[in-house]
N, C-alpha and C. Protein backbone atom coordinates (compact mmCIF):
# COMPACT_ATOMS: atom_id res chain seq x y z
N LEU A 1 87.22 110.45 98.90
CA LEU A 1 86.28 110.21 99.98
C LEU A 1 85.47 111.47 100.27
N ALA A 2 86.14 112.61 100.26
CA ALA A 2 85.45 113.86 100.59
C ALA A 2 84.32 114.16 99.60
N TRP A 3 84.59 113.99 98.30
CA TRP A 3 83.56 114.27 97.31
C TRP A 3 82.42 113.26 97.38
N ALA A 4 82.73 112.02 97.65
CA ALA A 4 81.68 110.99 97.76
C ALA A 4 80.76 111.29 98.93
N THR A 5 81.32 111.68 100.07
CA THR A 5 80.48 111.97 101.23
C THR A 5 79.69 113.26 101.04
N ARG A 6 80.31 114.25 100.41
CA ARG A 6 79.61 115.51 100.15
C ARG A 6 78.43 115.27 99.20
N TYR A 7 78.67 114.50 98.16
CA TYR A 7 77.60 114.20 97.19
C TYR A 7 76.47 113.43 97.87
N LEU A 8 76.81 112.44 98.67
CA LEU A 8 75.80 111.68 99.39
C LEU A 8 75.01 112.59 100.34
N PHE A 9 75.69 113.46 101.04
CA PHE A 9 75.03 114.41 101.94
C PHE A 9 74.03 115.27 101.17
N ASN A 10 74.45 115.77 100.02
CA ASN A 10 73.56 116.62 99.22
C ASN A 10 72.35 115.85 98.72
N ILE A 11 72.54 114.62 98.29
CA ILE A 11 71.41 113.78 97.84
C ILE A 11 70.46 113.55 99.01
N MET A 12 70.99 113.28 100.18
CA MET A 12 70.16 112.96 101.34
C MET A 12 69.34 114.15 101.81
N GLN A 13 69.68 115.36 101.40
CA GLN A 13 68.89 116.52 101.82
C GLN A 13 67.49 116.50 101.23
N MET A 14 67.26 115.73 100.15
CA MET A 14 65.93 115.65 99.56
C MET A 14 64.92 115.11 100.56
N ARG A 15 65.26 114.04 101.24
CA ARG A 15 64.38 113.38 102.21
C ARG A 15 65.21 112.81 103.33
N PHE A 16 65.90 113.66 104.05
CA PHE A 16 66.82 113.20 105.08
C PHE A 16 66.12 112.34 106.11
N ASP A 17 64.88 112.68 106.44
CA ASP A 17 64.15 111.96 107.47
C ASP A 17 64.01 110.47 107.15
N ARG A 18 63.82 110.14 105.88
CA ARG A 18 63.68 108.73 105.50
C ARG A 18 64.98 108.14 104.95
N MET A 19 65.74 108.93 104.23
CA MET A 19 66.98 108.42 103.64
C MET A 19 67.99 108.03 104.71
N TYR A 20 68.03 108.77 105.81
CA TYR A 20 69.01 108.48 106.84
C TYR A 20 68.79 107.09 107.43
N GLU A 21 67.55 106.69 107.60
CA GLU A 21 67.26 105.35 108.12
C GLU A 21 67.80 104.28 107.18
N ASP A 22 67.55 104.44 105.88
CA ASP A 22 68.05 103.48 104.89
C ASP A 22 69.56 103.46 104.86
N PHE A 23 70.16 104.65 104.86
CA PHE A 23 71.61 104.74 104.81
C PHE A 23 72.24 104.14 106.06
N SER A 24 71.67 104.41 107.23
CA SER A 24 72.23 103.89 108.47
C SER A 24 72.24 102.37 108.49
N ALA A 25 71.16 101.76 108.02
CA ALA A 25 71.10 100.30 107.98
C ALA A 25 72.15 99.74 107.04
N ALA A 26 72.31 100.35 105.87
CA ALA A 26 73.32 99.88 104.91
C ALA A 26 74.72 100.11 105.45
N ARG A 27 74.94 101.25 106.10
CA ARG A 27 76.26 101.56 106.68
C ARG A 27 76.63 100.56 107.77
N GLU A 28 75.68 100.23 108.61
CA GLU A 28 75.95 99.27 109.68
C GLU A 28 76.34 97.90 109.11
N ALA A 29 75.68 97.49 108.03
CA ALA A 29 76.03 96.22 107.39
C ALA A 29 77.43 96.29 106.78
N PHE A 30 77.78 97.41 106.16
CA PHE A 30 79.11 97.58 105.57
C PHE A 30 80.17 97.56 106.67
N GLU A 31 79.91 98.25 107.77
CA GLU A 31 80.86 98.27 108.88
C GLU A 31 81.01 96.89 109.52
N ALA A 32 79.92 96.16 109.63
CA ALA A 32 79.99 94.81 110.19
C ALA A 32 80.83 93.90 109.30
N ASP A 33 80.69 94.07 108.00
CA ASP A 33 81.50 93.28 107.07
C ASP A 33 82.98 93.64 107.21
N THR A 34 83.26 94.92 107.38
CA THR A 34 84.64 95.36 107.58
C THR A 34 85.19 94.78 108.88
N ASP A 35 84.40 94.81 109.93
CA ASP A 35 84.83 94.23 111.21
C ASP A 35 85.14 92.74 111.05
N GLU A 36 84.29 92.05 110.30
CA GLU A 36 84.50 90.62 110.09
C GLU A 36 85.79 90.35 109.30
N ILE A 37 86.03 91.17 108.30
CA ILE A 37 87.27 91.02 107.51
C ILE A 37 88.49 91.22 108.41
N LEU A 38 88.46 92.27 109.22
CA LEU A 38 89.59 92.55 110.11
C LEU A 38 89.74 91.47 111.17
N GLN A 39 88.64 91.00 111.72
CA GLN A 39 88.71 89.95 112.73
C GLN A 39 89.26 88.66 112.12
N ASN A 40 88.85 88.33 110.91
CA ASN A 40 89.39 87.14 110.25
C ASN A 40 90.89 87.27 110.06
N GLN A 41 91.36 88.46 109.74
CA GLN A 41 92.80 88.65 109.56
C GLN A 41 93.54 88.50 110.88
N VAL A 42 92.99 89.10 111.94
CA VAL A 42 93.64 89.03 113.25
C VAL A 42 93.65 87.60 113.77
N LEU A 43 92.54 86.88 113.59
CA LEU A 43 92.43 85.52 114.08
C LEU A 43 93.04 84.49 113.13
N GLY A 44 93.51 84.97 111.98
CA GLY A 44 94.16 84.07 111.03
C GLY A 44 93.22 83.37 110.08
N GLY A 45 92.00 83.89 109.95
CA GLY A 45 91.07 83.30 108.99
C GLY A 45 91.58 83.52 107.58
N GLY A 46 91.31 82.61 106.69
CA GLY A 46 91.81 82.74 105.33
C GLY A 46 90.75 82.60 104.28
N GLU A 47 89.51 82.85 104.63
CA GLU A 47 88.46 82.68 103.63
C GLU A 47 88.09 83.99 102.98
N LYS A 48 87.62 83.89 101.75
CA LYS A 48 87.17 85.05 101.00
C LYS A 48 85.66 84.99 100.96
N ARG A 49 85.01 86.08 101.30
CA ARG A 49 83.55 86.12 101.31
C ARG A 49 83.02 86.23 99.90
N SER A 50 81.89 85.59 99.66
CA SER A 50 81.30 85.66 98.33
C SER A 50 80.51 86.95 98.15
N GLN A 51 79.79 87.40 99.16
CA GLN A 51 79.07 88.67 99.09
C GLN A 51 78.73 89.08 100.50
N ASP A 52 78.90 90.37 100.78
CA ASP A 52 78.63 90.82 102.14
C ASP A 52 77.17 91.24 102.32
N GLU A 53 76.79 91.50 103.56
CA GLU A 53 75.41 91.82 103.89
C GLU A 53 74.97 93.15 103.31
N ALA A 54 75.91 94.04 103.04
CA ALA A 54 75.56 95.36 102.52
C ALA A 54 75.21 95.31 101.05
N GLY A 55 75.36 94.16 100.41
CA GLY A 55 75.02 94.02 99.01
C GLY A 55 76.10 94.52 98.07
N THR A 56 77.28 94.75 98.58
CA THR A 56 78.37 95.20 97.72
C THR A 56 79.00 94.00 97.03
N GLU A 57 79.85 94.29 96.11
CA GLU A 57 80.54 93.23 95.38
C GLU A 57 81.42 92.44 96.33
N PRO A 58 81.78 91.23 95.96
CA PRO A 58 82.67 90.44 96.82
C PRO A 58 83.96 91.22 97.12
N SER A 59 84.43 91.05 98.30
CA SER A 59 85.63 91.77 98.72
C SER A 59 86.81 91.33 97.86
N SER A 60 87.60 92.31 97.43
CA SER A 60 88.76 91.98 96.61
C SER A 60 89.95 91.60 97.48
N VAL A 61 89.75 91.62 98.78
CA VAL A 61 90.83 91.32 99.70
C VAL A 61 90.83 89.83 100.03
N VAL A 62 91.86 89.14 99.65
CA VAL A 62 92.00 87.73 100.01
C VAL A 62 92.79 87.69 101.30
N LEU A 63 92.15 87.11 102.31
CA LEU A 63 92.77 87.10 103.63
C LEU A 63 93.64 85.87 103.78
N ASP A 64 94.90 86.06 103.65
CA ASP A 64 95.84 84.98 103.88
C ASP A 64 97.01 85.52 104.69
N ALA A 65 97.90 84.67 105.06
CA ALA A 65 99.00 85.06 105.94
C ALA A 65 99.89 86.12 105.34
N ALA A 66 99.99 86.16 104.00
CA ALA A 66 100.89 87.10 103.35
C ALA A 66 100.29 88.49 103.20
N THR A 67 99.00 88.64 103.45
CA THR A 67 98.35 89.93 103.28
C THR A 67 98.59 90.80 104.50
N SER A 68 99.10 91.98 104.28
CA SER A 68 99.36 92.88 105.41
C SER A 68 98.10 93.66 105.77
N MET A 69 98.05 94.12 106.99
CA MET A 69 96.91 94.90 107.45
C MET A 69 96.78 96.19 106.64
N ASP A 70 97.90 96.80 106.24
CA ASP A 70 97.84 98.01 105.42
C ASP A 70 97.13 97.74 104.10
N THR A 71 97.41 96.62 103.50
CA THR A 71 96.78 96.27 102.23
C THR A 71 95.28 96.08 102.42
N ILE A 72 94.91 95.42 103.49
CA ILE A 72 93.49 95.19 103.77
C ILE A 72 92.77 96.52 104.00
N LEU A 73 93.35 97.38 104.83
CA LEU A 73 92.71 98.65 105.12
C LEU A 73 92.63 99.55 103.89
N SER A 74 93.68 99.56 103.09
CA SER A 74 93.67 100.35 101.86
C SER A 74 92.62 99.86 100.88
N SER A 75 92.52 98.55 100.72
CA SER A 75 91.52 97.97 99.83
C SER A 75 90.11 98.26 100.33
N ARG A 76 89.92 98.14 101.62
CA ARG A 76 88.58 98.38 102.18
C ARG A 76 88.22 99.86 102.07
N ALA A 77 89.19 100.76 102.20
CA ALA A 77 88.91 102.19 102.03
C ALA A 77 88.48 102.48 100.60
N ASP A 78 89.14 101.84 99.62
CA ASP A 78 88.73 102.00 98.22
C ASP A 78 87.31 101.48 98.01
N GLU A 79 87.00 100.35 98.62
CA GLU A 79 85.65 99.79 98.52
C GLU A 79 84.63 100.71 99.19
N ALA A 80 85.02 101.36 100.28
CA ALA A 80 84.11 102.27 100.98
C ALA A 80 83.75 103.46 100.11
N VAL A 81 84.73 104.00 99.39
CA VAL A 81 84.46 105.13 98.50
C VAL A 81 83.50 104.69 97.39
N LYS A 82 83.75 103.55 96.79
CA LYS A 82 82.83 103.05 95.75
C LYS A 82 81.44 102.81 96.33
N TRP A 83 81.39 102.29 97.53
CA TRP A 83 80.12 102.02 98.19
C TRP A 83 79.35 103.32 98.45
N LEU A 84 80.05 104.37 98.90
CA LEU A 84 79.39 105.66 99.13
C LEU A 84 78.78 106.20 97.86
N TRP A 85 79.53 106.15 96.75
CA TRP A 85 78.98 106.61 95.48
C TRP A 85 77.75 105.79 95.09
N SER A 86 77.80 104.48 95.30
CA SER A 86 76.66 103.64 94.92
C SER A 86 75.45 103.93 95.81
N GLN A 87 75.67 104.24 97.10
CA GLN A 87 74.55 104.55 97.98
C GLN A 87 73.84 105.82 97.54
N SER A 88 74.58 106.79 97.00
CA SER A 88 73.96 108.00 96.46
C SER A 88 72.98 107.63 95.36
N ASP A 89 73.40 106.75 94.47
CA ASP A 89 72.54 106.32 93.37
C ASP A 89 71.33 105.55 93.87
N VAL A 90 71.55 104.65 94.82
CA VAL A 90 70.46 103.83 95.37
C VAL A 90 69.41 104.73 96.03
N LEU A 91 69.86 105.65 96.87
CA LEU A 91 68.92 106.53 97.57
C LEU A 91 68.20 107.47 96.61
N PHE A 92 68.94 108.00 95.64
CA PHE A 92 68.31 108.90 94.68
C PHE A 92 67.24 108.17 93.89
N ALA A 93 67.53 106.97 93.43
CA ALA A 93 66.56 106.20 92.66
C ALA A 93 65.33 105.86 93.50
N LYS A 94 65.54 105.53 94.76
CA LYS A 94 64.42 105.15 95.62
C LYS A 94 63.52 106.33 95.95
N TYR A 95 64.10 107.49 96.19
CA TYR A 95 63.34 108.63 96.67
C TYR A 95 63.07 109.70 95.63
N ALA A 96 63.49 109.51 94.39
CA ALA A 96 63.21 110.48 93.34
C ALA A 96 61.70 110.53 93.11
N ASN A 97 61.21 111.67 92.71
CA ASN A 97 59.78 111.85 92.46
C ASN A 97 58.94 111.50 93.67
N ASN A 98 59.45 111.83 94.84
CA ASN A 98 58.78 111.61 96.11
C ASN A 98 58.48 110.13 96.35
N GLY A 99 59.40 109.27 95.96
CA GLY A 99 59.23 107.84 96.13
C GLY A 99 59.14 107.40 97.57
N GLY A 100 59.53 108.24 98.50
CA GLY A 100 59.45 107.88 99.90
C GLY A 100 58.14 108.26 100.55
N GLY A 101 57.19 108.76 99.77
CA GLY A 101 55.91 109.17 100.33
C GLY A 101 55.90 110.66 100.64
N PRO A 102 54.76 111.14 101.11
CA PRO A 102 54.63 112.58 101.40
C PRO A 102 55.64 113.04 102.44
N ALA A 103 56.12 114.25 102.25
CA ALA A 103 57.10 114.81 103.17
C ALA A 103 56.47 115.22 104.49
N GLY A 104 55.19 115.48 104.50
CA GLY A 104 54.51 115.83 105.75
C GLY A 104 54.61 117.28 106.12
N TYR A 105 54.89 118.14 105.16
CA TYR A 105 54.90 119.57 105.44
C TYR A 105 54.10 120.30 104.42
């Protein structure tokens, strides 16, 4: 997790003013999906999502009565690390070669 966040931070220094907005929107969608997964577990939901709003792969966590909260949190943490690495690539591709427009300085 530490290396993924450090790498993302370094990539975002290219155009922090614009990249942060994109990253924040994607992060909020990822967090909302995590909240939904946890709420489904607490309320006893047993459905598996096909794809979340953040555009990540379908959750590998099947929410059923036998799944423990530790397993869900551990799986979601692994997905978060993969998601952070992918966001670095997404932002770099979008803003490479000044793809975000003039920096204004």
